[in-house]
């Protein structure tokens, strides 16, 4: 993937003592892959427009995630994309 950005954020929602930890891979092509490591949910979302700012991508992911408007992605497929 070109222009790939990875980041991790905490929603601070009380799903665990640490909050809710989300890993994100954003490929710069209007698609973001996410893994909610706290709740064990993984998926992908498509945006109608390109977004560069991490906080904008984060907000859009959470909006679509909360609406259930995402495509399921296996944890294994997410891990293949994540660069350690």
PDB file of N, CA and C in Angstrom:
ATOM      1  N   UNK A   1       0.851  -1.190   0.000  1.00  0.00           N
ATOM      2  CA  UNK A   1       0.000   0.000   0.000  1.00  0.00           C
ATOM      3  C   UNK A   1       0.890   1.244   0.000  1.00  0.00           C
ATOM      4  N   UNK A   2       0.506   2.235  -0.746  1.00  0.00           N
ATOM      5  CA  UNK A   2       1.251   3.477  -0.749  1.00  0.00           C
ATOM      6  C   UNK A   2       0.553   4.472   0.162  1.00  0.00           C
ATOM      7  N   UNK A   3       1.321   5.385   0.714  1.00  0.00           N
ATOM      8  CA  UNK A   3       0.789   6.414   1.602  1.00  0.00           C
ATOM      9  C   UNK A   3       0.079   5.832   2.832  1.00  0.00           C
ATOM     10  N   UNK A   4       0.501   4.667   3.258  1.00  0.00           N
ATOM     11  CA  UNK A   4      -0.154   4.025   4.392  1.00  0.00           C
ATOM     12  C   UNK A   4       0.254   4.693   5.696  1.00  0.00           C
ATOM     13  N   UNK A   5      -0.754   4.942   6.519  1.00  0.00           N
ATOM     14  CA  UNK A   5      -0.525   5.507   7.849  1.00  0.00           C
ATOM     15  C   UNK A   5      -1.090   4.531   8.862  1.00  0.00           C
ATOM     16  N   UNK A   6      -0.399   4.341   9.946  1.00  0.00           N
ATOM     17  CA  UNK A   6      -0.867   3.499  11.037  1.00  0.00           C
ATOM     18  C   UNK A   6      -0.868   4.317  12.310  1.00  0.00           C
ATOM     19  N   UNK A   7      -1.890   4.110  13.129  1.00  0.00           N
ATOM     20  CA  UNK A   7      -1.898   4.739  14.436  1.00  0.00           C
ATOM     21  C   UNK A   7      -2.823   3.962  15.362  1.00  0.00           C
ATOM     22  N   UNK A   8      -2.650   4.210  16.631  1.00  0.00           N
ATOM     23  CA  UNK A   8      -3.467   3.592  17.670  1.00  0.00           C
ATOM     24  C   UNK A   8      -4.057   4.709  18.501  1.00  0.00           C
ATOM     25  N   UNK A   9      -5.330   4.557  18.894  1.00  0.00           N
ATOM     26  CA  UNK A   9      -5.931   5.561  19.762  1.00  0.00           C
ATOM     27  C   UNK A   9      -6.813   4.878  20.800  1.00  0.00           C
ATOM     28  N   UNK A  10      -7.145   5.637  21.817  1.00  0.00           N
ATOM     29  CA  UNK A  10      -7.984   5.149  22.905  1.00  0.00           C
ATOM     30  C   UNK A  10      -9.239   6.017  22.948  1.00  0.00           C
ATOM     31  N   UNK A  11     -10.405   5.384  22.820  1.00  0.00           N
ATOM     32  CA  UNK A  11     -11.659   6.134  22.858  1.00  0.00           C
ATOM     33  C   UNK A  11     -12.016   6.571  24.275  1.00  0.00           C
ATOM     34  N   UNK A  12     -11.380   5.951  25.259  1.00  0.00           N
ATOM     35  CA  UNK A  12     -11.645   6.161  26.685  1.00  0.00           C
ATOM     36  C   UNK A  12     -13.019   5.638  27.110  1.00  0.00           C
ATOM     37  N   UNK A  13     -13.677   4.908  26.229  1.00  0.00           N
ATOM     38  CA  UNK A  13     -14.932   4.265  26.619  1.00  0.00           C
ATOM     39  C   UNK A  13     -14.603   3.160  27.619  1.00  0.00           C
ATOM     40  N   UNK A  14     -15.470   2.911  28.527  1.00  0.00           N
ATOM     41  CA  UNK A  14     -15.196   2.035  29.669  1.00  0.00           C
ATOM     42  C   UNK A  14     -15.420   0.547  29.385  1.00  0.00           C
ATOM     43  N   UNK A  15     -14.910   0.054  28.252  1.00  0.00           N
ATOM     44  CA  UNK A  15     -15.015  -1.374  27.936  1.00  0.00           C
ATOM     45  C   UNK A  15     -13.989  -2.198  28.703  1.00  0.00           C
ATOM     46  N   UNK A  16     -12.965  -1.547  29.220  1.00  0.00           N
ATOM     47  CA  UNK A  16     -11.942  -2.204  30.041  1.00  0.00           C
ATOM     48  C   UNK A  16     -11.326  -1.135  30.940  1.00  0.00           C
ATOM     49  N   UNK A  17     -10.545  -1.543  31.928  1.00  0.00           N
ATOM     50  CA  UNK A  17      -9.895  -0.534  32.779  1.00  0.00           C
ATOM     51  C   UNK A  17      -9.005   0.429  31.984  1.00  0.00           C
ATOM     52  N   UNK A  18      -8.473  -0.035  30.838  1.00  0.00           N
ATOM     53  CA  UNK A  18      -7.608   0.802  30.002  1.00  0.00           C
ATOM     54  C   UNK A  18      -8.402   1.654  29.022  1.00  0.00           C
ATOM     55  N   UNK A  19      -9.694   1.422  28.902  1.00  0.00           N
ATOM     56  CA  UNK A  19     -10.509   2.130  27.915  1.00  0.00           C
ATOM     57  C   UNK A  19     -10.779   1.220  26.728  1.00  0.00           C
ATOM     58  N   UNK A  20     -10.852   1.792  25.539  1.00  0.00           N
ATOM     59  CA  UNK A  20     -11.087   1.043  24.303  1.00  0.00           C
ATOM     60  C   UNK A  20      -9.968   1.396  23.330  1.00  0.00           C
ATOM     61  N   UNK A  21      -9.122   0.425  23.034  1.00  0.00           N
ATOM     62  CA  UNK A  21      -7.952   0.638  22.191  1.00  0.00           C
ATOM     63  C   UNK A  21      -8.284   0.218  20.754  1.00  0.00           C
ATOM     64  N   UNK A  22      -8.065   1.143  19.815  1.00  0.00           N
ATOM     65  CA  UNK A  22      -8.330   0.900  18.402  1.00  0.00           C
ATOM     66  C   UNK A  22      -7.035   1.103  17.614  1.00  0.00           C
ATOM     67  N   UNK A  23      -6.678   0.113  16.784  1.00  0.00           N
ATOM     68  CA  UNK A  23      -5.566   0.245  15.850  1.00  0.00           C
ATOM     69  C   UNK A  23      -6.155   0.574  14.485  1.00  0.00           C
ATOM     70  N   UNK A  24      -5.471   1.451  13.738  1.00  0.00           N
ATOM     71  CA  UNK A  24      -5.966   1.890  12.430  1.00  0.00           C
ATOM     72  C   UNK A  24      -4.850   1.796  11.394  1.00  0.00           C
ATOM     73  N   UNK A  25      -5.220   1.312  10.223  1.00  0.00           N
ATOM     74  CA  UNK A  25      -4.362   1.372   9.041  1.00  0.00           C
ATOM     75  C   UNK A  25      -5.166   2.150   8.008  1.00  0.00           C
ATOM     76  N   UNK A  26      -4.626   3.262   7.556  1.00  0.00           N
ATOM     77  CA  UNK A  26      -5.319   4.105   6.575  1.00  0.00           C
ATOM     78  C   UNK A  26      -4.468   4.143   5.325  1.00  0.00           C
ATOM     79  N   UNK A  27      -5.008   3.671   4.231  1.00  0.00           N
ATOM     80  CA  UNK A  27      -4.195   3.526   3.020  1.00  0.00           C
ATOM     81  C   UNK A  27      -4.165   4.757   2.127  1.00  0.00           C
ATOM     82  N   UNK A  28      -4.801   5.844   2.555  1.00  0.00           N
ATOM     83  CA  UNK A  28      -4.764   7.069   1.763  1.00  0.00           C
ATOM     84  C   UNK A  28      -5.618   6.996   0.511  1.00  0.00           C
ATOM     85  N   UNK A  29      -6.381   5.929   0.369  1.00  0.00           N
ATOM     86  CA  UNK A  29      -7.238   5.750  -0.801  1.00  0.00           C
ATOM     87  C   UNK A  29      -8.690   5.586  -0.365  1.00  0.00           C
ATOM     88  N   UNK A  30      -9.058   6.363   0.641  1.00  0.00           N
ATOM     89  CA  UNK A  30     -10.428   6.397   1.158  1.00  0.00           C
ATOM     90  C   UNK A  30     -10.854   5.117   1.882  1.00  0.00           C
ATOM     91  N   UNK A  31      -9.923   4.242   2.219  1.00  0.00           N
ATOM     92  CA  UNK A  31     -10.241   3.039   2.974  1.00  0.00           C
ATOM     93  C   UNK A  31      -9.403   3.003   4.243  1.00  0.00           C
ATOM     94  N   UNK A  32     -10.048   2.663   5.341  1.00  0.00           N
ATOM     95  CA  UNK A  32      -9.344   2.488   6.603  1.00  0.00           C
ATOM     96  C   UNK A  32      -9.703   1.120   7.167  1.00  0.00           C
ATOM     97  N   UNK A  33      -8.725   0.459   7.732  1.00  0.00           N
ATOM     98  CA  UNK A  33      -8.901  -0.828   8.385  1.00  0.00           C
ATOM     99  C   UNK A  33      -8.715  -0.588   9.877  1.00  0.00           C
ATOM    100  N   UNK A  34      -9.549  -1.200  10.691  1.00  0.00           N
ATOM    101  CA  UNK A  34      -9.421  -0.983  12.128  1.00  0.00           C
ATOM    102  C   UNK A  34      -9.531  -2.293  12.888  1.00  0.00           C
ATOM    103  N   UNK A  35      -8.913  -2.305  14.057  1.00  0.00           N
ATOM    104  CA  UNK A  35      -9.031  -3.419  14.984  1.00  0.00           C
ATOM    105  C   UNK A  35      -9.302  -2.853  16.365  1.00  0.00           C
ATOM    106  N   UNK A  36     -10.463  -3.178  16.888  1.00  0.00           N
ATOM    107  CA  UNK A  36     -10.802  -2.833  18.261  1.00  0.00           C
ATOM    108  C   UNK A  36     -10.205  -3.944  19.111  1.00  0.00           C
ATOM    109  N   UNK A  37      -8.999  -3.710  19.629  1.00  0.00           N
ATOM    110  CA  UNK A  37      -8.302  -4.757  20.374  1.00  0.00           C
ATOM    111  C   UNK A  37      -8.993  -5.069  21.692  1.00  0.00           C
ATOM    112  N   UNK A  38      -9.748  -4.137  22.214  1.00  0.00           N
ATOM    113  CA  UNK A  38     -10.442  -4.328  23.483  1.00  0.00           C
ATOM    114  C   UNK A  38     -11.648  -5.243  23.319  1.00  0.00           C
ATOM    115  N   UNK A  39     -12.416  -5.029  22.285  1.00  0.00           N
ATOM    116  CA  UNK A  39     -13.657  -5.784  22.082  1.00  0.00           C
ATOM    117  C   UNK A  39     -13.520  -6.920  21.072  1.00  0.00           C
ATOM    118  N   UNK A  40     -12.354  -7.002  20.414  1.00  0.00           N
ATOM    119  CA  UNK A  40     -12.120  -8.086  19.479  1.00  0.00           C
ATOM    120  C   UNK A  40     -12.877  -7.968  18.170  1.00  0.00           C
ATOM    121  N   UNK A  41     -13.107  -6.741  17.705  1.00  0.00           N
ATOM    122  CA  UNK A  41     -13.812  -6.516  16.437  1.00  0.00           C
ATOM    123  C   UNK A  41     -12.858  -5.889  15.432  1.00  0.00           C
ATOM    124  N   UNK A  42     -12.927  -6.363  14.192  1.00  0.00           N
ATOM    125  CA  UNK A  42     -12.035  -5.875  13.148  1.00  0.00           C
ATOM    126  C   UNK A  42     -12.852  -5.633  11.893  1.00  0.00           C
ATOM    127  N   UNK A  43     -12.534  -4.557  11.177  1.00  0.00           N
ATOM    128  CA  UNK A  43     -13.286  -4.269   9.966  1.00  0.00           C
ATOM    129  C   UNK A  43     -12.612  -3.230   9.097  1.00  0.00           C
ATOM    130  N   UNK A  44     -13.328  -2.841   8.057  1.00  0.00           N
ATOM    131  CA  UNK A  44     -12.842  -1.781   7.179  1.00  0.00           C
ATOM    132  C   UNK A  44     -14.004  -0.851   6.859  1.00  0.00           C
ATOM    133  N   UNK A  45     -13.653   0.402   6.625  1.00  0.00           N
ATOM    134  CA  UNK A  45     -14.638   1.418   6.267  1.00  0.00           C
ATOM    135  C   UNK A  45     -14.124   2.183   5.056  1.00  0.00           C
ATOM    136  N   UNK A  46     -15.049   2.639   4.246  1.00  0.00           N
ATOM    137  CA  UNK A  46     -14.707   3.477   3.096  1.00  0.00           C
ATOM    138  C   UNK A  46     -15.264   4.868   3.345  1.00  0.00           C
ATOM    139  N   UNK A  47     -14.479   5.863   2.981  1.00  0.00           N
ATOM    140  CA  UNK A  47     -14.882   7.252   3.124  1.00  0.00           C
ATOM    141  C   UNK A  47     -15.256   7.799   1.755  1.00  0.00           C
ATOM    142  N   UNK A  48     -16.220   8.717   1.685  1.00  0.00           N
ATOM    143  CA  UNK A  48     -16.576   9.294   0.392  1.00  0.00           C
ATOM    144  C   UNK A  48     -15.495  10.226  -0.164  1.00  0.00           C
ATOM    145  N   UNK A  49     -14.638  10.754   0.706  1.00  0.00           N
ATOM    146  CA  UNK A  49     -13.586  11.682   0.287  1.00  0.00           C
ATOM    147  C   UNK A  49     -12.294  11.325   1.004  1.00  0.00           C
ATOM    148  N   UNK A  50     -11.182  11.706   0.398  1.00  0.00           N
ATOM    149  CA  UNK A  50      -9.867  11.484   0.996  1.00  0.00           C
ATOM    150  C   UNK A  50      -9.694  12.378   2.225  1.00  0.00           C
ATOM    151  N   UNK A  51      -9.143  11.812   3.280  1.00  0.00           N
ATOM    152  CA  UNK A  51      -8.861  12.574   4.499  1.00  0.00           C
ATOM    153  C   UNK A  51      -7.431  12.280   4.931  1.00  0.00           C
ATOM    154  N   UNK A  52      -6.696  13.322   5.282  1.00  0.00           N
ATOM    155  CA  UNK A  52      -5.314  13.154   5.716  1.00  0.00           C
ATOM    156  C   UNK A  52      -5.151  13.248   7.227  1.00  0.00           C
ATOM    157  N   UNK A  53      -5.928  14.097   7.860  1.00  0.00           N
ATOM    158  CA  UNK A  53      -5.731  14.359   9.285  1.00  0.00           C
ATOM    159  C   UNK A  53      -6.147  13.146  10.112  1.00  0.00           C
ATOM    160  N   UNK A  54      -5.266  12.728  11.007  1.00  0.00           N
ATOM    161  CA  UNK A  54      -5.518  11.557  11.833  1.00  0.00           C
ATOM    162  C   UNK A  54      -6.803  11.699  12.646  1.00  0.00           C
ATOM    163  N   UNK A  55      -7.042  12.874  13.219  1.00  0.00           N
ATOM    164  CA  UNK A  55      -8.250  13.035  14.031  1.00  0.00           C
ATOM    165  C   UNK A  55      -9.519  12.934  13.188  1.00  0.00           C
ATOM    166  N   UNK A  56      -9.473  13.382  11.929  1.00  0.00           N
ATOM    167  CA  UNK A  56     -10.628  13.259  11.036  1.00  0.00           C
ATOM    168  C   UNK A  56     -10.875  11.795  10.688  1.00  0.00           C
ATOM    169  N   UNK A  57      -9.815  11.069  10.355  1.00  0.00           N
ATOM    170  CA  UNK A  57      -9.940   9.643  10.051  1.00  0.00           C
ATOM    171  C   UNK A  57     -10.483   8.904  11.273  1.00  0.00           C
ATOM    172  N   UNK A  58      -9.948   9.205  12.431  1.00  0.00           N
ATOM    173  CA  UNK A  58     -10.388   8.586  13.687  1.00  0.00           C
ATOM    174  C   UNK A  58     -11.881   8.833  13.921  1.00  0.00           C
ATOM    175  N   UNK A  59     -12.321  10.069  13.785  1.00  0.00           N
ATOM    176  CA  UNK A  59     -13.730  10.415  13.994  1.00  0.00           C
ATOM    177  C   UNK A  59     -14.641   9.692  12.997  1.00  0.00           C
ATOM    178  N   UNK A  60     -14.222   9.641  11.748  1.00  0.00           N
ATOM    179  CA  UNK A  60     -15.038   8.976  10.726  1.00  0.00           C
ATOM    180  C   UNK A  60     -15.131   7.479  10.991  1.00  0.00           C
ATOM    181  N   UNK A  61     -14.012   6.865  11.388  1.00  0.00           N
ATOM    182  CA  UNK A  61     -14.036   5.439  11.724  1.00  0.00           C
ATOM    183  C   UNK A  61     -15.018   5.182  12.850  1.00  0.00           C
ATOM    184  N   UNK A  62     -14.940   5.961  13.907  1.00  0.00           N
ATOM    185  CA  UNK A  62     -15.810   5.718  15.061  1.00  0.00           C
ATOM    186  C   UNK A  62     -17.281   5.958  14.728  1.00  0.00           C
ATOM    187  N   UNK A  63     -17.562   6.948  13.895  1.00  0.00           N
ATOM    188  CA  UNK A  63     -18.948   7.197  13.494  1.00  0.00           C
ATOM    189  C   UNK A  63     -19.502   5.987  12.748  1.00  0.00           C
ATOM    190  N   UNK A  64     -18.753   5.494  11.766  1.00  0.00           N
ATOM    191  CA  UNK A  64     -19.215   4.349  10.977  1.00  0.00           C
ATOM    192  C   UNK A  64     -19.235   3.066  11.812  1.00  0.00           C
ATOM    193  N   UNK A  65     -18.259   2.898  12.676  1.00  0.00           N
ATOM    194  CA  UNK A  65     -18.190   1.734  13.564  1.00  0.00           C
ATOM    195  C   UNK A  65     -19.408   1.710  14.478  1.00  0.00           C
ATOM    196  N   UNK A  66     -19.718   2.830  15.093  1.00  0.00           N
ATOM    197  CA  UNK A  66     -20.871   2.903  16.003  1.00  0.00           C
ATOM    198  C   UNK A  66     -22.187   2.628  15.279  1.00  0.00           C
ATOM    199  N   UNK A  67     -22.258   2.982  14.005  1.00  0.00           N
ATOM    200  CA  UNK A  67     -23.464   2.734  13.209  1.00  0.00           C
ATOM    201  C   UNK A  67     -23.518   1.304  12.665  1.00  0.00           C
ATOM    202  N   UNK A  68     -22.425   0.576  12.836  1.00  0.00           N
ATOM    203  CA  UNK A  68     -22.343  -0.764  12.257  1.00  0.00           C
ATOM    204  C   UNK A  68     -22.159  -0.727  10.746  1.00  0.00           C
ATOM    205  N   UNK A  69     -21.720   0.417  10.238  1.00  0.00           N
ATOM    206  CA  UNK A  69     -21.564   0.620   8.799  1.00  0.00           C
ATOM    207  C   UNK A  69     -20.123   0.332   8.376  1.00  0.00           C
ATOM    208  N   UNK A  70     -19.692  -0.900   8.620  1.00  0.00           N
ATOM    209  CA  UNK A  70     -18.344  -1.308   8.236  1.00  0.00           C
ATOM    210  C   UNK A  70     -18.400  -2.736   7.712  1.00  0.00           C
ATOM    211  N   UNK A  71     -17.365  -3.096   6.970  1.00  0.00           N
ATOM    212  CA  UNK A  71     -17.243  -4.456   6.451  1.00  0.00           C
ATOM    213  C   UNK A  71     -16.351  -5.253   7.390  1.00  0.00           C
ATOM    214  N   UNK A  72     -16.793  -6.464   7.683  1.00  0.00           N
ATOM    215  CA  UNK A  72     -16.014  -7.333   8.558  1.00  0.00           C
ATOM    216  C   UNK A  72     -14.681  -7.662   7.903  1.00  0.00           C
ATOM    217  N   UNK A  73     -13.640  -7.758   8.710  1.00  0.00           N
ATOM    218  CA  UNK A  73     -12.310  -8.134   8.263  1.00  0.00           C
ATOM    219  C   UNK A  73     -11.748  -9.076   9.308  1.00  0.00           C
ATOM    220  N   UNK A  74     -11.137 -10.149   8.894  1.00  0.00           N
ATOM    221  CA  UNK A  74     -10.576 -11.078   9.876  1.00  0.00           C
ATOM    222  C   UNK A  74      -9.373 -10.439  10.568  1.00  0.00           C
ATOM    223  N   UNK A  75      -9.162 -10.835  11.801  1.00  0.00           N
ATOM    224  CA  UNK A  75      -8.001 -10.339  12.544  1.00  0.00           C
ATOM    225  C   UNK A  75      -6.720 -10.717  11.811  1.00  0.00           C
ATOM    226  N   UNK A  76      -6.695 -11.893  11.231  1.00  0.00           N
ATOM    227  CA  UNK A  76      -5.520 -12.361  10.489  1.00  0.00           C
ATOM    228  C   UNK A  76      -5.227 -11.435   9.307  1.00  0.00           C
ATOM    229  N   UNK A  77      -6.277 -11.040   8.549  1.00  0.00           N
ATOM    230  CA  UNK A  77      -6.080 -10.132   7.421  1.00  0.00           C
ATOM    231  C   UNK A  77      -5.621  -8.749   7.881  1.00  0.00           C
ATOM    232  N   UNK A  78      -6.144  -8.290   9.031  1.00  0.00           N
ATOM    233  CA  UNK A  78      -5.686  -7.013   9.572  1.00  0.00           C
ATOM    234  C   UNK A  78      -4.208  -7.107   9.927  1.00  0.00           C
ATOM    235  N   UNK A  79      -3.837  -8.179  10.612  1.00  0.00           N
ATOM    236  CA  UNK A  79      -2.442  -8.344  11.054  1.00  0.00           C
ATOM    237  C   UNK A  79      -1.474  -8.385   9.861  1.00  0.00           C
ATOM    238  N   UNK A  80      -1.918  -8.923   8.730  1.00  0.00           N
ATOM    239  CA  UNK A  80      -1.071  -8.952   7.533  1.00  0.00           C
ATOM    240  C   UNK A  80      -0.770  -7.548   7.037  1.00  0.00           C
ATOM    241  N   UNK A  81      -1.711  -6.632   7.226  1.00  0.00           N
ATOM    242  CA  UNK A  81      -1.549  -5.251   6.760  1.00  0.00           C
ATOM    243  C   UNK A  81      -0.732  -4.400   7.748  1.00  0.00           C
ATOM    244  N   UNK A  82      -0.803  -4.736   9.040  1.00  0.00           N
ATOM    245  CA  UNK A  82      -0.154  -3.947  10.092  1.00  0.00           C
ATOM    246  C   UNK A  82       1.353  -4.128  10.014  1.00  0.00           C
ATOM    247  N   UNK A  83       2.076  -3.032   9.981  1.00  0.00           N
ATOM    248  CA  UNK A  83       3.550  -3.082   9.943  1.00  0.00           C
ATOM    249  C   UNK A  83       4.086  -2.833  11.341  1.00  0.00           C
ATOM    250  N   UNK A  84       4.800  -3.818  11.853  1.00  0.00           N
ATOM    251  CA  UNK A  84       5.357  -3.710  13.212  1.00  0.00           C
ATOM    252  C   UNK A  84       6.704  -3.049  13.217  1.00  0.00           C
TER     253      UNK A  84
END
